[in-house]
Protein backbone atom coordinates (compact mmCIF):
# COMPACT_ATOMS: atom_id res chain seq x y z
CA MET A 1 91.59 208.81 -73.50
CA HIS A 2 93.17 206.55 -70.90
CA SER A 3 93.60 207.53 -67.27
CA LEU A 4 97.13 208.55 -66.26
CA LYS A 5 96.73 207.35 -62.67
CA ARG A 6 98.21 203.90 -63.31
CA PRO A 7 101.21 205.10 -65.37
CA TRP A 8 102.10 207.65 -62.69
CA ILE A 9 101.70 205.07 -59.93
CA ASN A 10 104.16 202.79 -61.71
CA LEU A 11 106.68 205.56 -62.43
CA VAL A 12 106.62 207.00 -58.90
CA LEU A 13 106.65 203.61 -57.21
CA ALA A 14 109.56 202.24 -59.30
CA PRO A 15 112.37 204.16 -57.52
CA ILE A 16 110.58 203.84 -54.17
CA TRP A 17 110.81 200.06 -54.49
CA PHE A 18 114.53 200.43 -53.75
CA LEU A 19 113.77 202.02 -50.38
CA ILE A 20 111.15 199.38 -49.58
CA VAL A 21 113.46 196.48 -50.47
CA ILE A 22 116.44 198.01 -48.63
CA VAL A 23 114.30 198.43 -45.49
CA CYS A 24 113.10 194.82 -45.77
CA PHE A 25 116.67 193.56 -46.13
CA SER A 26 117.75 195.69 -43.16
CA VAL A 27 115.01 194.24 -40.97
CA TYR A 28 116.01 190.74 -42.06
CA PHE A 29 119.70 191.31 -41.31
CA ILE A 30 118.94 192.79 -37.89
CA GLY A 31 116.71 189.81 -37.15
CA SER A 32 119.57 187.53 -38.23
CA GLY A 33 121.87 189.08 -35.62
CA ILE A 34 123.82 191.51 -37.81
CA PRO A 35 124.92 194.50 -35.68
CA GLU A 36 123.30 197.76 -36.76
CA PRO A 37 126.64 199.52 -37.52
CA GLU A 38 127.40 196.76 -40.05
CA LEU A 39 124.11 197.16 -41.94
CA PRO A 40 125.39 199.60 -44.61
CA THR A 41 128.23 197.25 -45.51
CA LYS A 42 125.91 194.26 -45.59
CA ILE A 43 123.36 196.06 -47.78
CA THR A 44 126.15 197.09 -50.15
CA GLU A 45 127.24 193.47 -50.47
CA PHE A 46 123.69 192.49 -51.42
CA THR A 47 123.08 195.37 -53.85
CA PRO A 48 122.73 193.06 -56.91
CA THR A 49 120.10 191.01 -55.05
CA VAL A 50 118.31 194.21 -54.05
CA ILE A 51 118.24 195.29 -57.72
CA LEU A 52 116.92 191.87 -58.74
CA VAL A 53 114.06 192.06 -56.22
CA VAL A 54 113.29 195.62 -57.32
CA GLN A 55 113.12 194.62 -60.99
CA LEU A 56 110.73 191.79 -60.13
CA SER A 57 108.63 194.15 -58.01
CA ILE A 58 108.41 196.71 -60.83
CA LEU A 59 107.43 193.98 -63.29
CA MET A 60 104.74 192.58 -60.99
CA THR A 61 103.29 196.05 -60.27
CA LEU A 62 103.26 196.88 -63.97
CA TRP A 63 101.63 193.57 -64.92
CA VAL A 64 98.87 193.89 -62.30
CA THR A 65 98.03 197.53 -63.06
CA THR A 66 98.11 197.26 -66.86
CA ARG A 67 95.86 194.20 -66.89
CA LYS A 68 93.08 196.32 -65.39
CA GLU A 69 93.00 198.56 -68.47
CA GLY A 70 93.57 195.84 -71.05
CA PHE A 71 97.16 196.73 -71.87
CA SER A 72 99.26 193.65 -72.62
CA LEU A 73 102.97 193.84 -71.76
CA PHE A 74 103.73 191.03 -74.18
CA LYS A 75 101.65 192.21 -77.16
CA ASP A 76 101.01 195.95 -77.22
CA GLY A 77 103.86 197.79 -78.86
CA TRP A 78 106.05 194.75 -79.49
CA GLY A 79 104.16 193.53 -82.52
CA HIS A 80 103.70 196.85 -84.28
CA GLN A 81 103.84 196.41 -88.03
CA GLY A 82 106.83 198.04 -89.66
CA HIS A 83 110.45 197.42 -90.48
CA SER A 84 110.95 195.12 -87.50
CA ALA A 85 114.21 193.54 -88.68
CA THR A 86 115.68 196.95 -89.49
CA ASP A 87 114.59 198.33 -86.12
CA ILE A 88 116.19 195.43 -84.26
CA VAL A 89 119.48 195.83 -86.14
CA TRP A 90 119.58 199.57 -85.51
CA GLY A 91 118.58 198.92 -81.91
CA ILE A 92 121.53 196.58 -81.43
CA ILE A 93 123.87 199.12 -83.03
CA THR A 94 122.51 201.89 -80.78
CA GLY A 95 122.93 199.74 -77.67
CA ALA A 96 126.50 198.88 -78.65
CA ILE A 97 127.33 202.57 -79.17
CA ILE A 98 125.94 203.50 -75.75
CA ALA A 99 127.84 200.64 -74.09
CA VAL A 100 131.13 201.63 -75.74
CA LEU A 101 130.47 205.27 -74.88
CA TYR A 102 130.03 204.25 -71.25
CA PHE A 103 133.22 202.13 -71.28
CA PHE A 104 135.52 204.78 -72.67
CA MET A 105 133.98 208.09 -71.64
CA LEU A 106 130.93 208.24 -69.40
CA SER A 107 132.20 206.05 -66.57
CA GLY A 108 135.38 208.15 -66.39
CA VAL A 109 133.42 211.40 -66.54
CA GLN A 110 131.14 210.19 -63.76
CA THR A 111 134.10 209.31 -61.53
CA TRP A 112 135.74 212.69 -62.23
CA LEU A 113 132.54 214.56 -61.35
CA GLN A 114 132.12 212.54 -58.15
CA ILE A 115 135.68 213.30 -57.05
CA HIS A 116 135.92 216.96 -58.05
CA ILE A 117 132.34 218.21 -57.62
CA GLY A 118 130.81 215.66 -55.26
CA ASP A 119 127.98 213.18 -55.08
CA TYR A 120 125.94 211.41 -52.43
CA VAL A 121 127.50 208.15 -53.69
CA PRO A 122 131.32 207.94 -53.29
CA ALA A 123 133.38 207.50 -56.45
CA GLY A 124 133.73 203.83 -57.37
CA GLU A 125 131.11 202.71 -54.86
CA THR A 126 128.64 201.60 -57.55
CA MET A 127 131.17 199.34 -59.23
CA ASN A 128 132.24 197.79 -55.92
CA ALA A 129 128.64 197.15 -54.89
CA LEU A 130 127.55 195.58 -58.18
CA GLY A 131 130.55 193.27 -58.23
CA LYS A 132 129.69 191.52 -54.99
CA GLN A 133 127.20 189.04 -56.51
CA THR A 134 127.70 188.07 -60.14
CA VAL A 135 124.64 185.87 -60.71
CA PRO A 136 121.98 188.20 -59.23
CA PHE A 137 123.56 191.14 -61.07
CA PHE A 138 123.44 189.20 -64.34
CA MET A 139 119.80 188.22 -63.82
CA ALA A 140 118.74 191.75 -62.83
CA ASN A 141 120.77 193.79 -65.30
CA VAL A 142 121.05 191.54 -68.35
CA ILE A 143 117.89 189.42 -68.30
CA LEU A 144 115.18 191.47 -66.56
CA ALA A 145 116.12 195.16 -66.85
CA PRO A 146 115.86 195.52 -70.66
CA PHE A 147 112.34 194.10 -70.84
CA VAL A 148 111.06 195.66 -67.61
CA GLU A 149 112.41 199.14 -68.29
CA GLU A 150 111.39 199.29 -71.94
CA SER A 151 107.93 197.97 -71.08
CA LEU A 152 107.34 200.58 -68.39
CA TYR A 153 109.06 203.72 -69.63
CA ARG A 154 109.08 203.61 -73.43
CA ASN A 155 106.12 201.34 -74.14
CA TYR A 156 103.39 201.83 -71.52
CA ALA A 157 104.09 205.20 -69.83
CA LEU A 158 105.33 207.06 -72.91
CA THR A 159 102.34 205.88 -74.93
CA ARG A 160 99.89 207.10 -72.30
CA PHE A 161 101.72 210.39 -71.65
CA SER A 162 102.00 211.21 -75.36
CA GLU A 163 98.23 210.84 -75.66
CA LYS A 164 97.58 213.26 -72.78
CA TYR A 165 100.55 215.66 -72.61
CA GLY A 166 101.91 215.50 -76.15
CA THR A 167 105.12 213.91 -77.41
CA ALA A 168 107.62 216.44 -76.06
CA LYS A 169 106.29 216.40 -72.49
CA GLY A 170 105.89 212.64 -72.62
CA ILE A 171 109.58 212.28 -73.53
CA VAL A 172 110.66 214.65 -70.73
CA PHE A 173 108.47 213.07 -68.02
CA THR A 174 109.38 209.47 -68.79
CA SER A 175 113.09 210.27 -69.24
CA VAL A 176 113.32 212.08 -65.90
CA MET A 177 111.49 209.28 -64.11
CA PHE A 178 113.74 206.75 -65.84
CA GLY A 179 116.75 208.62 -64.49
CA LEU A 180 115.30 208.68 -60.99
CA LEU A 181 114.94 204.89 -61.12
CA HIS A 182 118.75 204.79 -61.05
CA TRP A 183 119.13 207.03 -57.98
CA VAL A 184 121.24 204.45 -56.11
CA GLY A 185 124.03 205.17 -58.61
CA GLY A 186 124.29 208.81 -57.57
CA PHE A 187 123.28 212.20 -58.94
CA TRP A 188 125.62 212.15 -61.94
CA TYR A 189 124.50 208.65 -62.87
CA ILE A 190 120.88 209.85 -62.83
CA LEU A 191 121.76 212.78 -65.08
CA MET A 192 123.74 210.64 -67.55
CA THR A 193 120.95 208.05 -67.67
CA ILE A 194 118.43 210.76 -68.57
CA ILE A 195 120.62 212.37 -71.23
CA PHE A 196 122.28 209.38 -72.89
CA VAL A 197 119.59 206.70 -72.53
CA GLY A 198 116.21 208.05 -71.44
CA ILE A 199 115.80 210.88 -73.95
CA PRO A 200 117.33 209.13 -77.01
CA PHE A 201 115.33 205.95 -76.40
CA ALA A 202 112.12 207.93 -75.89
CA ILE A 203 112.68 209.86 -79.12
CA ILE A 204 113.26 206.61 -81.02
CA ALA A 205 110.13 205.13 -79.49
CA THR A 206 107.97 208.05 -80.60
CA LYS A 207 109.43 208.02 -84.11
CA ARG A 208 109.32 204.28 -84.75
CA GLU A 209 106.43 203.12 -82.53
CA TYR A 210 108.07 199.72 -82.42
CA TYR A 211 109.65 198.65 -79.15
CA MET A 212 111.40 195.45 -80.20
CA GLY A 213 114.22 197.57 -81.59
CA LEU A 214 114.61 199.40 -78.28
CA CYS A 215 114.53 196.10 -76.44
CA GLY A 216 117.27 194.87 -78.77
CA SER A 217 119.23 198.00 -77.91
CA SER A 218 118.80 197.38 -74.18
CA TYR A 219 119.72 193.72 -74.54
CA THR A 220 122.97 194.87 -76.17
CA GLN A 221 123.73 197.79 -73.87
CA HIS A 222 123.09 196.00 -70.56
CA PRO A 223 125.31 192.95 -71.22
CA GLY A 224 128.03 195.30 -72.41
CA ILE A 225 127.90 197.30 -69.19
CA TYR A 226 127.75 194.05 -67.19
CA ILE A 227 130.93 192.79 -68.88
CA HIS A 228 132.57 196.18 -68.28
CA PHE A 229 131.81 196.06 -64.55
CA GLU A 230 132.97 192.48 -64.20
CA SER A 231 136.21 193.14 -66.09
CA LEU A 232 137.05 196.15 -63.92
CA ILE A 233 136.30 194.17 -60.77
CA GLY A 234 138.51 191.34 -62.03
CA LEU A 235 141.34 193.79 -62.62
CA ASN A 236 140.93 195.25 -59.14
CA ASP A 237 140.92 191.80 -57.56
CA GLY A 238 144.03 190.88 -59.54
CA ALA A 239 145.77 194.00 -58.31
């Protein structure tokens, strides 16, 4: 039985990295002569870069901690024998469904909830922040996020938690922590991430035990959401 100390360290530290990176950026901006009242606006402009640094920090922490127990991020889970081609195809289809669902329903529902019920993130703020820097957002959301998030939540942590807590609790714990990773998007974004991504992906992972399909799903879903954000920002700029 493996120790759960390292999985929990990674899961708890992942959302905290946002606070650490935001503080570091704030110190840098103040040192560069940016007035303190302008810091929130400046941080918002650099949100994609913040996300990129966070993804790299999560990946580095995960790589260092898993090496100590002989868990390989690039081998364990990815090469599981099974219907790999089928899993990848179904993963791509699943990712496309989630992306389309977000385009036409979830993003609108999130905005409605923010306006009519409330949130600690103003309605539309996430879209405006992510549209400030196209290249860092692409690198963080399209290139890094699928591999980093699947490696941590559905491959490493879920495997360890299922061994200790059982499948059901493993799904719940990793899905909730996956939602909390996205806390900068607001309460409703956290909840939607848990329900529509965290839990379904965790269930698939426990059923198939093959993570390449989930990675294929993420590499379909994330570019779709990226294109959606960029198209909405383009429309707003055109208006």
